[in-house]
Amino acid sequence: MHQLNLPEPIAAYYAAEQQTPEALARCFTAQAVVKDEGHAYTGPEEIKAWKAAASAKYTFTTEPLVLEQEQGAQLVRARVTGDFPGSPVVLQYRFRLQRGLIASLEITA
């Protein structure tokens, strides 16, 4: 695996994925929005709850594969492997950054 040169907020997000929901929420701005599986989660408390629910349901690891610029966003394609149906899968993570934090994240297949 080659190492991607991810922007600091995005690298911090992937590192925090394997930590606590609180660690993950610290990667986001106070008004950040995460969109995943048809739901939107706004602000640190909802983002923590989203992460906690995902961690309780599945164990997974994420391997960023490609980083691209797309219409003001950072698009990461990553292989997600775990104990969920259809594993492994390549997902797209569309990050918008603001002042060294993540302002929005949309995860799609």
PDB file of N, CA and C in Angstrom:
ATOM      1  N   MET A   1       0.845  -1.183   0.000  1.00  0.00           N
ATOM      2  CA  MET A   1       0.000   0.000   0.000  1.00  0.00           C
ATOM      3  C   MET A   1       0.880   1.232   0.000  1.00  0.00           C
ATOM      4  N   HIS A   2       0.598   2.169  -0.889  1.00  0.00           N
ATOM      5  CA  HIS A   2       1.340   3.426  -0.879  1.00  0.00           C
ATOM      6  C   HIS A   2       0.650   4.412   0.058  1.00  0.00           C
ATOM      7  N   GLN A   3       1.441   5.308   0.603  1.00  0.00           N
ATOM      8  CA  GLN A   3       0.914   6.270   1.563  1.00  0.00           C
ATOM      9  C   GLN A   3       0.383   7.499   0.821  1.00  0.00           C
ATOM     10  N   LEU A   4      -0.867   7.860   1.049  1.00  0.00           N
ATOM     11  CA  LEU A   4      -1.431   9.073   0.472  1.00  0.00           C
ATOM     12  C   LEU A   4      -1.031  10.260   1.331  1.00  0.00           C
ATOM     13  N   ASN A   5      -0.843  11.397   0.694  1.00  0.00           N
ATOM     14  CA  ASN A   5      -0.553  12.629   1.416  1.00  0.00           C
ATOM     15  C   ASN A   5      -1.889  13.340   1.672  1.00  0.00           C
ATOM     16  N   LEU A   6      -2.591  12.908   2.716  1.00  0.00           N
ATOM     17  CA  LEU A   6      -3.906  13.457   3.037  1.00  0.00           C
ATOM     18  C   LEU A   6      -3.760  14.773   3.797  1.00  0.00           C
ATOM     19  N   PRO A   7      -4.648  15.735   3.536  1.00  0.00           N
ATOM     20  CA  PRO A   7      -4.661  16.945   4.360  1.00  0.00           C
ATOM     21  C   PRO A   7      -4.861  16.579   5.826  1.00  0.00           C
ATOM     22  N   GLU A   8      -4.277  17.336   6.729  1.00  0.00           N
ATOM     23  CA  GLU A   8      -4.285  17.017   8.156  1.00  0.00           C
ATOM     24  C   GLU A   8      -5.673  16.684   8.715  1.00  0.00           C
ATOM     25  N   PRO A   9      -6.731  17.480   8.442  1.00  0.00           N
ATOM     26  CA  PRO A   9      -8.042  17.131   9.017  1.00  0.00           C
ATOM     27  C   PRO A   9      -8.562  15.767   8.538  1.00  0.00           C
ATOM     28  N   ILE A  10      -8.248  15.414   7.308  1.00  0.00           N
ATOM     29  CA  ILE A  10      -8.700  14.128   6.762  1.00  0.00           C
ATOM     30  C   ILE A  10      -7.877  12.984   7.356  1.00  0.00           C
ATOM     31  N   ALA A  11      -6.575  13.176   7.478  1.00  0.00           N
ATOM     32  CA  ALA A  11      -5.729  12.164   8.119  1.00  0.00           C
ATOM     33  C   ALA A  11      -6.179  11.948   9.564  1.00  0.00           C
ATOM     34  N   ALA A  12      -6.510  13.034  10.250  1.00  0.00           N
ATOM     35  CA  ALA A  12      -6.975  12.931  11.641  1.00  0.00           C
ATOM     36  C   ALA A  12      -8.291  12.157  11.713  1.00  0.00           C
ATOM     37  N   TYR A  13      -9.186  12.383  10.752  1.00  0.00           N
ATOM     38  CA  TYR A  13     -10.460  11.663  10.711  1.00  0.00           C
ATOM     39  C   TYR A  13     -10.217  10.153  10.616  1.00  0.00           C
ATOM     40  N   TYR A  14      -9.375   9.728   9.671  1.00  0.00           N
ATOM     41  CA  TYR A  14      -9.150   8.290   9.502  1.00  0.00           C
ATOM     42  C   TYR A  14      -8.444   7.690  10.712  1.00  0.00           C
ATOM     43  N   ALA A  15      -7.553   8.429  11.358  1.00  0.00           N
ATOM     44  CA  ALA A  15      -6.912   7.942  12.589  1.00  0.00           C
ATOM     45  C   ALA A  15      -7.946   7.812  13.709  1.00  0.00           C
ATOM     46  N   ALA A  16      -8.849   8.781  13.815  1.00  0.00           N
ATOM     47  CA  ALA A  16      -9.857   8.791  14.887  1.00  0.00           C
ATOM     48  C   ALA A  16     -10.934   7.734  14.671  1.00  0.00           C
ATOM     49  N   GLU A  17     -11.104   7.257  13.442  1.00  0.00           N
ATOM     50  CA  GLU A  17     -12.111   6.224  13.163  1.00  0.00           C
ATOM     51  C   GLU A  17     -11.920   4.994  14.045  1.00  0.00           C
ATOM     52  N   GLN A  18     -10.678   4.694  14.389  1.00  0.00           N
ATOM     53  CA  GLN A  18     -10.388   3.514  15.197  1.00  0.00           C
ATOM     54  C   GLN A  18     -10.341   3.845  16.692  1.00  0.00           C
ATOM     55  N   GLN A  19     -10.691   5.080  17.046  1.00  0.00           N
ATOM     56  CA  GLN A  19     -10.675   5.518  18.438  1.00  0.00           C
ATOM     57  C   GLN A  19     -12.105   5.700  18.936  1.00  0.00           C
ATOM     58  N   THR A  20     -12.311   6.658  19.809  1.00  0.00           N
ATOM     59  CA  THR A  20     -13.624   6.883  20.412  1.00  0.00           C
ATOM     60  C   THR A  20     -14.486   7.798  19.554  1.00  0.00           C
ATOM     61  N   PRO A  21     -15.807   7.758  19.757  1.00  0.00           N
ATOM     62  CA  PRO A  21     -16.682   8.712  19.063  1.00  0.00           C
ATOM     63  C   PRO A  21     -16.292  10.165  19.366  1.00  0.00           C
ATOM     64  N   GLU A  22     -15.832  10.441  20.582  1.00  0.00           N
ATOM     65  CA  GLU A  22     -15.423  11.795  20.949  1.00  0.00           C
ATOM     66  C   GLU A  22     -14.222  12.241  20.122  1.00  0.00           C
ATOM     67  N   ALA A  23     -13.251  11.337  19.934  1.00  0.00           N
ATOM     68  CA  ALA A  23     -12.066  11.662  19.132  1.00  0.00           C
ATOM     69  C   ALA A  23     -12.469  11.984  17.697  1.00  0.00           C
ATOM     70  N   LEU A  24     -13.396  11.222  17.159  1.00  0.00           N
ATOM     71  CA  LEU A  24     -13.851  11.471  15.790  1.00  0.00           C
ATOM     72  C   LEU A  24     -14.571  12.814  15.707  1.00  0.00           C
ATOM     73  N   ALA A  25     -15.438  13.110  16.653  1.00  0.00           N
ATOM     74  CA  ALA A  25     -16.205  14.363  16.629  1.00  0.00           C
ATOM     75  C   ALA A  25     -15.288  15.578  16.693  1.00  0.00           C
ATOM     76  N   ARG A  26     -14.135  15.470  17.334  1.00  0.00           N
ATOM     77  CA  ARG A  26     -13.195  16.594  17.424  1.00  0.00           C
ATOM     78  C   ARG A  26     -12.592  16.972  16.076  1.00  0.00           C
ATOM     79  N   CYS A  27     -12.747  16.144  15.070  1.00  0.00           N
ATOM     80  CA  CYS A  27     -12.231  16.432  13.730  1.00  0.00           C
ATOM     81  C   CYS A  27     -13.126  17.416  12.971  1.00  0.00           C
ATOM     82  N   PHE A  28     -14.317  17.709  13.508  1.00  0.00           N
ATOM     83  CA  PHE A  28     -15.334  18.483  12.799  1.00  0.00           C
ATOM     84  C   PHE A  28     -15.546  19.871  13.412  1.00  0.00           C
ATOM     85  N   THR A  29     -16.049  20.798  12.586  1.00  0.00           N
ATOM     86  CA  THR A  29     -16.456  22.108  13.090  1.00  0.00           C
ATOM     87  C   THR A  29     -17.723  21.950  13.926  1.00  0.00           C
ATOM     88  N   ALA A  30     -18.072  22.983  14.681  1.00  0.00           N
ATOM     89  CA  ALA A  30     -19.255  22.931  15.555  1.00  0.00           C
ATOM     90  C   ALA A  30     -20.554  22.770  14.763  1.00  0.00           C
ATOM     91  N   GLN A  31     -20.580  23.251  13.514  1.00  0.00           N
ATOM     92  CA  GLN A  31     -21.798  23.161  12.696  1.00  0.00           C
ATOM     93  C   GLN A  31     -21.689  22.105  11.594  1.00  0.00           C
ATOM     94  N   ALA A  32     -20.711  21.231  11.697  1.00  0.00           N
ATOM     95  CA  ALA A  32     -20.463  20.245  10.640  1.00  0.00           C
ATOM     96  C   ALA A  32     -21.666  19.338  10.420  1.00  0.00           C
ATOM     97  N   VAL A  33     -21.757  18.853   9.184  1.00  0.00           N
ATOM     98  CA  VAL A  33     -22.812  17.910   8.807  1.00  0.00           C
ATOM     99  C   VAL A  33     -22.154  16.680   8.191  1.00  0.00           C
ATOM    100  N   VAL A  34     -22.572  15.500   8.666  1.00  0.00           N
ATOM    101  CA  VAL A  34     -22.155  14.231   8.079  1.00  0.00           C
ATOM    102  C   VAL A  34     -23.384  13.609   7.436  1.00  0.00           C
ATOM    103  N   LYS A  35     -23.252  13.206   6.170  1.00  0.00           N
ATOM    104  CA  LYS A  35     -24.324  12.499   5.475  1.00  0.00           C
ATOM    105  C   LYS A  35     -23.833  11.088   5.191  1.00  0.00           C
ATOM    106  N   ASP A  36     -24.614  10.111   5.669  1.00  0.00           N
ATOM    107  CA  ASP A  36     -24.245   8.710   5.510  1.00  0.00           C
ATOM    108  C   ASP A  36     -25.512   7.864   5.497  1.00  0.00           C
ATOM    109  N   GLU A  37     -25.611   6.960   4.538  1.00  0.00           N
ATOM    110  CA  GLU A  37     -26.743   6.032   4.420  1.00  0.00           C
ATOM    111  C   GLU A  37     -28.100   6.737   4.476  1.00  0.00           C
ATOM    112  N   GLY A  38     -28.216   7.867   3.802  1.00  0.00           N
ATOM    113  CA  GLY A  38     -29.489   8.569   3.708  1.00  0.00           C
ATOM    114  C   GLY A  38     -29.859   9.423   4.905  1.00  0.00           C
ATOM    115  N   HIS A  39     -28.961   9.563   5.876  1.00  0.00           N
ATOM    116  CA  HIS A  39     -29.231  10.367   7.070  1.00  0.00           C
ATOM    117  C   HIS A  39     -28.207  11.485   7.170  1.00  0.00           C
ATOM    118  N   ALA A  40     -28.597  12.580   7.806  1.00  0.00           N
ATOM    119  CA  ALA A  40     -27.684  13.697   8.063  1.00  0.00           C
ATOM    120  C   ALA A  40     -27.529  13.863   9.564  1.00  0.00           C
ATOM    121  N   TYR A  41     -26.307  14.099   9.997  1.00  0.00           N
ATOM    122  CA  TYR A  41     -25.975  14.274  11.411  1.00  0.00           C
ATOM    123  C   TYR A  41     -25.272  15.614  11.542  1.00  0.00           C
ATOM    124  N   THR A  42     -25.824  16.506  12.355  1.00  0.00           N
ATOM    125  CA  THR A  42     -25.325  17.869  12.462  1.00  0.00           C
ATOM    126  C   THR A  42     -24.779  18.137  13.853  1.00  0.00           C
ATOM    127  N   GLY A  43     -23.558  18.663  13.897  1.00  0.00           N
ATOM    128  CA  GLY A  43     -22.950  19.059  15.166  1.00  0.00           C
ATOM    129  C   GLY A  43     -22.295  17.898  15.892  1.00  0.00           C
ATOM    130  N   PRO A  44     -21.467  18.227  16.878  1.00  0.00           N
ATOM    131  CA  PRO A  44     -20.660  17.217  17.571  1.00  0.00           C
ATOM    132  C   PRO A  44     -21.466  16.105  18.244  1.00  0.00           C
ATOM    133  N   GLU A  45     -22.591  16.430  18.865  1.00  0.00           N
ATOM    134  CA  GLU A  45     -23.352  15.392  19.581  1.00  0.00           C
ATOM    135  C   GLU A  45     -23.939  14.368  18.621  1.00  0.00           C
ATOM    136  N   GLU A  46     -24.518  14.832  17.506  1.00  0.00           N
ATOM    137  CA  GLU A  46     -25.080  13.891  16.531  1.00  0.00           C
ATOM    138  C   GLU A  46     -23.980  13.088  15.845  1.00  0.00           C
ATOM    139  N   ILE A  47     -22.832  13.721  15.587  1.00  0.00           N
ATOM    140  CA  ILE A  47     -21.718  13.012  14.958  1.00  0.00           C
ATOM    141  C   ILE A  47     -21.183  11.937  15.905  1.00  0.00           C
ATOM    142  N   LYS A  48     -21.072  12.255  17.198  1.00  0.00           N
ATOM    143  CA  LYS A  48     -20.644  11.246  18.183  1.00  0.00           C
ATOM    144  C   LYS A  48     -21.626  10.075  18.218  1.00  0.00           C
ATOM    145  N   ALA A  49     -22.924  10.378  18.207  1.00  0.00           N
ATOM    146  CA  ALA A  49     -23.942   9.322  18.241  1.00  0.00           C
ATOM    147  C   ALA A  49     -23.868   8.452  16.980  1.00  0.00           C
ATOM    148  N   TRP A  50     -23.652   9.081  15.826  1.00  0.00           N
ATOM    149  CA  TRP A  50     -23.515   8.348  14.561  1.00  0.00           C
ATOM    150  C   TRP A  50     -22.336   7.386  14.638  1.00  0.00           C
ATOM    151  N   LYS A  51     -21.189   7.876  15.100  1.00  0.00           N
ATOM    152  CA  LYS A  51     -19.993   7.040  15.211  1.00  0.00           C
ATOM    153  C   LYS A  51     -20.210   5.909  16.217  1.00  0.00           C
ATOM    154  N   ALA A  52     -20.817   6.221  17.361  1.00  0.00           N
ATOM    155  CA  ALA A  52     -21.057   5.201  18.388  1.00  0.00           C
ATOM    156  C   ALA A  52     -21.963   4.102  17.850  1.00  0.00           C
ATOM    157  N   ALA A  53     -23.014   4.472  17.122  1.00  0.00           N
ATOM    158  CA  ALA A  53     -23.944   3.486  16.568  1.00  0.00           C
ATOM    159  C   ALA A  53     -23.249   2.603  15.536  1.00  0.00           C
ATOM    160  N   ALA A  54     -22.440   3.212  14.666  1.00  0.00           N
ATOM    161  CA  ALA A  54     -21.724   2.439  13.649  1.00  0.00           C
ATOM    162  C   ALA A  54     -20.736   1.478  14.307  1.00  0.00           C
ATOM    163  N   SER A  55     -20.039   1.943  15.337  1.00  0.00           N
ATOM    164  CA  SER A  55     -19.053   1.097  16.027  1.00  0.00           C
ATOM    165  C   SER A  55     -19.717  -0.040  16.790  1.00  0.00           C
ATOM    166  N   ALA A  56     -20.915   0.207  17.318  1.00  0.00           N
ATOM    167  CA  ALA A  56     -21.630  -0.838  18.055  1.00  0.00           C
ATOM    168  C   ALA A  56     -22.145  -1.925  17.105  1.00  0.00           C
ATOM    169  N   LYS A  57     -22.474  -1.512  15.879  1.00  0.00           N
ATOM    170  CA  LYS A  57     -23.077  -2.430  14.920  1.00  0.00           C
ATOM    171  C   LYS A  57     -22.032  -3.255  14.160  1.00  0.00           C
ATOM    172  N   TYR A  58     -20.914  -2.620  13.801  1.00  0.00           N
ATOM    173  CA  TYR A  58     -19.910  -3.274  12.962  1.00  0.00           C
ATOM    174  C   TYR A  58     -18.498  -2.952  13.433  1.00  0.00           C
ATOM    175  N   THR A  59     -17.595  -3.878  13.137  1.00  0.00           N
ATOM    176  CA  THR A  59     -16.168  -3.642  13.288  1.00  0.00           C
ATOM    177  C   THR A  59     -15.615  -3.500  11.880  1.00  0.00           C
ATOM    178  N   PHE A  60     -14.838  -2.438  11.636  1.00  0.00           N
ATOM    179  CA  PHE A  60     -14.343  -2.219  10.279  1.00  0.00           C
ATOM    180  C   PHE A  60     -13.036  -1.438  10.301  1.00  0.00           C
ATOM    181  N   THR A  61     -12.308  -1.543   9.205  1.00  0.00           N
ATOM    182  CA  THR A  61     -11.119  -0.733   8.976  1.00  0.00           C
ATOM    183  C   THR A  61     -11.279  -0.049   7.625  1.00  0.00           C
ATOM    184  N   THR A  62     -10.656   1.104   7.511  1.00  0.00           N
ATOM    185  CA  THR A  62     -10.745   1.894   6.296  1.00  0.00           C
ATOM    186  C   THR A  62      -9.344   2.156   5.759  1.00  0.00           C
ATOM    187  N   GLU A  63      -9.161   1.913   4.472  1.00  0.00           N
ATOM    188  CA  GLU A  63      -7.883   2.155   3.815  1.00  0.00           C
ATOM    189  C   GLU A  63      -8.082   3.166   2.690  1.00  0.00           C
ATOM    190  N   PRO A  64      -7.675   4.427   2.901  1.00  0.00           N
ATOM    191  CA  PRO A  64      -7.767   5.414   1.818  1.00  0.00           C
ATOM    192  C   PRO A  64      -6.904   4.979   0.629  1.00  0.00           C
ATOM    193  N   LEU A  65      -7.490   5.036  -0.568  1.00  0.00           N
ATOM    194  CA  LEU A  65      -6.798   4.583  -1.773  1.00  0.00           C
ATOM    195  C   LEU A  65      -6.413   5.730  -2.697  1.00  0.00           C
ATOM    196  N   VAL A  66      -7.321   6.686  -2.885  1.00  0.00           N
ATOM    197  CA  VAL A  66      -7.140   7.761  -3.858  1.00  0.00           C
ATOM    198  C   VAL A  66      -7.652   9.065  -3.256  1.00  0.00           C
ATOM    199  N   LEU A  67      -6.931  10.155  -3.505  1.00  0.00           N
ATOM    200  CA  LEU A  67      -7.371  11.496  -3.108  1.00  0.00           C
ATOM    201  C   LEU A  67      -7.459  12.350  -4.358  1.00  0.00           C
ATOM    202  N   GLU A  68      -8.627  12.994  -4.561  1.00  0.00           N
ATOM    203  CA  GLU A  68      -8.830  13.878  -5.714  1.00  0.00           C
ATOM    204  C   GLU A  68      -9.482  15.168  -5.245  1.00  0.00           C
ATOM    205  N   GLN A  69      -9.274  16.234  -6.012  1.00  0.00           N
ATOM    206  CA  GLN A  69      -9.969  17.506  -5.789  1.00  0.00           C
ATOM    207  C   GLN A  69     -11.223  17.487  -6.662  1.00  0.00           C
ATOM    208  N   GLU A  70     -12.360  17.905  -6.097  1.00  0.00           N
ATOM    209  CA  GLU A  70     -13.598  17.902  -6.876  1.00  0.00           C
ATOM    210  C   GLU A  70     -14.493  19.044  -6.416  1.00  0.00           C
ATOM    211  N   GLN A  71     -14.636  20.072  -7.232  1.00  0.00           N
ATOM    212  CA  GLN A  71     -15.550  21.186  -6.972  1.00  0.00           C
ATOM    213  C   GLN A  71     -15.431  21.717  -5.544  1.00  0.00           C
ATOM    214  N   GLY A  72     -14.199  22.052  -5.130  1.00  0.00           N
ATOM    215  CA  GLY A  72     -13.978  22.621  -3.813  1.00  0.00           C
ATOM    216  C   GLY A  72     -13.949  21.611  -2.681  1.00  0.00           C
ATOM    217  N   ALA A  73     -14.074  20.339  -3.013  1.00  0.00           N
ATOM    218  CA  ALA A  73     -14.068  19.297  -1.989  1.00  0.00           C
ATOM    219  C   ALA A  73     -12.856  18.386  -2.194  1.00  0.00           C
ATOM    220  N   GLN A  74     -12.525  17.665  -1.147  1.00  0.00           N
ATOM    221  CA  GLN A  74     -11.497  16.622  -1.206  1.00  0.00           C
ATOM    222  C   GLN A  74     -12.248  15.299  -1.274  1.00  0.00           C
ATOM    223  N   LEU A  75     -12.044  14.547  -2.334  1.00  0.00           N
ATOM    224  CA  LEU A  75     -12.731  13.273  -2.518  1.00  0.00           C
ATOM    225  C   LEU A  75     -11.747  12.139  -2.268  1.00  0.00           C
ATOM    226  N   VAL A  76     -12.045  11.310  -1.283  1.00  0.00           N
ATOM    227  CA  VAL A  76     -11.218  10.151  -0.964  1.00  0.00           C
ATOM    228  C   VAL A  76     -12.017   8.899  -1.293  1.00  0.00           C
ATOM    229  N   ARG A  77     -11.410   8.035  -2.083  1.00  0.00           N
ATOM    230  CA  ARG A  77     -11.985   6.700  -2.291  1.00  0.00           C
ATOM    231  C   ARG A  77     -11.224   5.771  -1.354  1.00  0.00           C
ATOM    232  N   ALA A  78     -11.980   4.994  -0.582  1.00  0.00           N
ATOM    233  CA  ALA A  78     -11.353   4.151   0.429  1.00  0.00           C
ATOM    234  C   ALA A  78     -12.005   2.778   0.462  1.00  0.00           C
ATOM    235  N   ARG A  79     -11.182   1.762   0.712  1.00  0.00           N
ATOM    236  CA  ARG A  79     -11.679   0.395   0.872  1.00  0.00           C
ATOM    237  C   ARG A  79     -12.037   0.207   2.341  1.00  0.00           C
ATOM    238  N   VAL A  80     -13.284  -0.200   2.579  1.00  0.00           N
ATOM    239  CA  VAL A  80     -13.758  -0.449   3.936  1.00  0.00           C
ATOM    240  C   VAL A  80     -13.992  -1.956   4.062  1.00  0.00           C
ATOM    241  N   THR A  81     -13.331  -2.547   5.049  1.00  0.00           N
ATOM    242  CA  THR A  81     -13.391  -3.979   5.267  1.00  0.00           C
ATOM    243  C   THR A  81     -13.856  -4.238   6.692  1.00  0.00           C
ATOM    244  N   GLY A  82     -14.835  -5.130   6.842  1.00  0.00           N
ATOM    245  CA  GLY A  82     -15.316  -5.418   8.187  1.00  0.00           C
ATOM    246  C   GLY A  82     -16.326  -6.538   8.212  1.00  0.00           C
ATOM    247  N   ASP A  83     -17.069  -6.584   9.316  1.00  0.00           N
ATOM    248  CA  ASP A  83     -18.052  -7.656   9.503  1.00  0.00           C
ATOM    249  C   ASP A  83     -19.460  -7.198   9.137  1.00  0.00           C
ATOM    250  N   PHE A  84     -19.567  -6.536   7.995  1.00  0.00           N
ATOM    251  CA  PHE A  84     -20.871  -6.066   7.505  1.00  0.00           C
ATOM    252  C   PHE A  84     -21.150  -6.714   6.156  1.00  0.00           C
ATOM    253  N   PRO A  85     -22.418  -6.811   5.769  1.00  0.00           N
ATOM    254  CA  PRO A  85     -22.766  -7.423   4.483  1.00  0.00           C
ATOM    255  C   PRO A  85     -22.106  -6.680   3.317  1.00  0.00           C
ATOM    256  N   GLY A  86     -21.533  -7.433   2.387  1.00  0.00           N
ATOM    257  CA  GLY A  86     -20.926  -6.842   1.211  1.00  0.00           C
ATOM    258  C   GLY A  86     -19.467  -6.455   1.371  1.00  0.00           C
ATOM    259  N   SER A  87     -18.879  -6.722   2.529  1.00  0.00           N
ATOM    260  CA  SER A  87     -17.480  -6.366   2.771  1.00  0.00           C
ATOM    261  C   SER A  87     -16.562  -7.214   1.904  1.00  0.00           C
ATOM    262  N   PRO A  88     -15.486  -6.617   1.385  1.00  0.00           N
ATOM    263  CA  PRO A  88     -15.121  -5.208   1.446  1.00  0.00           C
ATOM    264  C   PRO A  88     -15.857  -4.395   0.383  1.00  0.00           C
ATOM    265  N   VAL A  89     -15.899  -3.086   0.589  1.00  0.00           N
ATOM    266  CA  VAL A  89     -16.545  -2.176  -0.343  1.00  0.00           C
ATOM    267  C   VAL A  89     -15.670  -0.931  -0.483  1.00  0.00           C
ATOM    268  N   VAL A  90     -15.713  -0.317  -1.659  1.00  0.00           N
ATOM    269  CA  VAL A  90     -15.015   0.956  -1.854  1.00  0.00           C
ATOM    270  C   VAL A  90     -16.060   2.063  -1.743  1.00  0.00           C
ATOM    271  N   LEU A  91     -15.836   2.967  -0.796  1.00  0.00           N
ATOM    272  CA  LEU A  91     -16.746   4.093  -0.571  1.00  0.00           C
ATOM    273  C   LEU A  91     -16.061   5.394  -0.944  1.00  0.00           C
ATOM    274  N   GLN A  92     -16.879   6.394  -1.249  1.00  0.00           N
ATOM    275  CA  GLN A  92     -16.376   7.730  -1.517  1.00  0.00           C
ATOM    276  C   GLN A  92     -16.681   8.614  -0.318  1.00  0.00           C
ATOM    277  N   TYR A  93     -15.672   9.325   0.140  1.00  0.00           N
ATOM    278  CA  TYR A  93     -15.785  10.260   1.258  1.00  0.00           C
ATOM    279  C   TYR A  93     -15.524  11.648   0.692  1.00  0.00           C
ATOM    280  N   ARG A  94     -16.557  12.486   0.659  1.00  0.00           N
ATOM    281  CA  ARG A  94     -16.423  13.843   0.121  1.00  0.00           C
ATOM    282  C   ARG A  94     -16.313  14.816   1.297  1.00  0.00           C
ATOM    283  N   PHE A  95     -15.108  15.321   1.518  1.00  0.00           N
ATOM    284  CA  PHE A  95     -14.821  16.219   2.629  1.00  0.00           C
ATOM    285  C   PHE A  95     -14.798  17.663   2.151  1.00  0.00           C
ATOM    286  N   ARG A  96     -15.388  18.552   2.935  1.00  0.00           N
ATOM    287  CA  ARG A  96     -15.201  19.994   2.763  1.00  0.00           C
ATOM    288  C   ARG A  96     -14.553  20.480   4.053  1.00  0.00           C
ATOM    289  N   LEU A  97     -13.438  21.179   3.885  1.00  0.00           N
ATOM    290  CA  LEU A  97     -12.650  21.601   5.035  1.00  0.00           C
ATOM    291  C   LEU A  97     -12.842  23.091   5.309  1.00  0.00           C
ATOM    292  N   GLN A  98     -12.686  23.456   6.580  1.00  0.00           N
ATOM    293  CA  GLN A  98     -12.830  24.854   6.985  1.00  0.00           C
ATOM    294  C   GLN A  98     -11.969  25.077   8.228  1.00  0.00           C
ATOM    295  N   ARG A  99     -11.037  26.002   8.146  1.00  0.00           N
ATOM    296  CA  ARG A  99     -10.185  26.390   9.271  1.00  0.00           C
ATOM    297  C   ARG A  99      -9.548  25.181   9.974  1.00  0.00           C
ATOM    298  N   GLY A 100      -9.023  24.249   9.199  1.00  0.00           N
ATOM    299  CA  GLY A 100      -8.310  23.111   9.765  1.00  0.00           C
ATOM    300  C   GLY A 100      -9.188  22.007  10.330  1.00  0.00           C
ATOM    301  N   LEU A 101     -10.488  22.074  10.074  1.00  0.00           N
ATOM    302  CA  LEU A 101     -11.417  21.031  10.525  1.00  0.00           C
ATOM    303  C   LEU A 101     -12.312  20.625   9.358  1.00  0.00           C
ATOM    304  N   ILE A 102     -13.100  19.576   9.579  1.00  0.00           N
ATOM    305  CA  ILE A 102     -14.044  19.115   8.560  1.00  0.00           C
ATOM    306  C   ILE A 102     -15.370  19.848   8.767  1.00  0.00           C
ATOM    307  N   ALA A 103     -15.813  20.549   7.711  1.00  0.00           N
ATOM    308  CA  ALA A 103     -17.093  21.268   7.765  1.00  0.00           C
ATOM    309  C   ALA A 103     -18.234  20.377   7.293  1.00  0.00           C
ATOM    310  N   SER A 104     -17.944  19.461   6.370  1.00  0.00           N
ATOM    311  CA  SER A 104     -18.953  18.512   5.933  1.00  0.00           C
ATOM    312  C   SER A 104     -18.289  17.258   5.390  1.00  0.00           C
ATOM    313  N   LEU A 105     -19.024  16.162   5.518  1.00  0.00           N
ATOM    314  CA  LEU A 105     -18.574  14.872   5.016  1.00  0.00           C
ATOM    315  C   LEU A 105     -19.785  14.150   4.473  1.00  0.00           C
ATOM    316  N   GLU A 106     -19.670  13.684   3.231  1.00  0.00           N
ATOM    317  CA  GLU A 106     -20.718  12.861   2.641  1.00  0.00           C
ATOM    318  C   GLU A 106     -20.087  11.539   2.221  1.00  0.00           C
ATOM    319  N   ILE A 107     -20.651  10.443   2.701  1.00  0.00           N
ATOM    320  CA  ILE A 107     -20.135   9.108   2.404  1.00  0.00           C
ATOM    321  C   ILE A 107     -21.127   8.414   1.476  1.00  0.00           C
ATOM    322  N   THR A 108     -20.630   7.964   0.314  1.00  0.00           N
ATOM    323  CA  THR A 108     -21.488   7.293  -0.655  1.00  0.00           C
ATOM    324  C   THR A 108     -20.771   6.064  -1.216  1.00  0.00           C
ATOM    325  N   ALA A 109     -21.587   5.163  -1.789  1.00  0.00           N
ATOM    326  CA  ALA A 109     -21.039   3.946  -2.391  1.00  0.00           C
ATOM    327  C   ALA A 109     -20.538   4.244  -3.797  1.00  0.00           C
TER     328      ALA A 109
END
